[in-house]
């Protein structure tokens, strides 16, 4: 009896999957048990998706969709991951300086824009990376740059500001003079904008910026090796997604979820459907057939018929009410005026 109350078996496109009951999870996503022959591929997919970010982050990613994967299993997988071995063999930053964080209390209150030097491995005309990060949410956006001029940086920022809005304070470890030039360039393109540049940052914060830039370089290096491509300007999009999707130790959430209120999704891959099903789906009709759902058109027609019937009932009720009022008025008139 306990088993029936706790677990359920669901047919996913003809393949039975053991799951926990829906009410176990507040997010509404069905989480199911991974079979032993699927375990390696499932862990690998999640680990690569978050950019080889370690045991804790890999486990958090897996727990979004699966029930029975343990920390021991993830640890064993990562111990054999060649990319993670490479990262562990790299020299650590030995800086012991205490980092004094910059406190922000709202999205777009303060943002940081820094330039990562990629001149040692240029991608065609691109030699730099613009790293734009909101201090409150830690949400970052990466853009390839041909130069590190204020004009090119301002042009890229304008694109971001017209999507996300402009911040109050803009700061950079490239210096206040550089930020002032960027703001002047922005004002020339958008006269209605008003931004101030941040005060000079504490020297101790330099180590934090260097670690962030080094992290970006490592993630790009991983993307280059896994995709066998030197086009890091294309890989930036995926590195950006990995950083924003990854659990942040200070926030206790991913930057994406702090900004948007939910975890990022990658289509059907973020649902409870097994890859063996959604890999072969092309159209909505195929999805409906696999899930044995009623067609959307029929749903819409049924809803329209219900709405129409409701309106008819409302009209009939209104007519009856008018008749009742009329009869009541007649009785009142007879009572007082006859």
Foldseek 3Di string as FASTA:
>chain_A
DVCVQFWDWDQQLNDIWIWGDQVVDPVSFIATADDPVCVLVLLVVLCVLLLNPDLVQSVVSNVLHYDPDDSVNNVVNSVPDPLNVVVVPDDDDPDPFDADADDDDDWLQEKEWEKQAQQVQAQVLFGIKIWIATRPLRQIAIATDNDPALLRVLVVVVVVCVPPNHHQEYEYPVDPVSVVSNVVNNCVVPVPDDHYYDDDDDPSCVVVVVVVSVLLVSSLVSVCVVVVDSNSNVVSVSSSLSQQQTQDPVVNHGSVCVVVVDHDDDPCVSHNRDCVQPVPDDDPVSVCVSNVHPDPVVVVVVVVVVVVVVVVVVVVVVVVVVVVVVVVVVVVCVVPPD
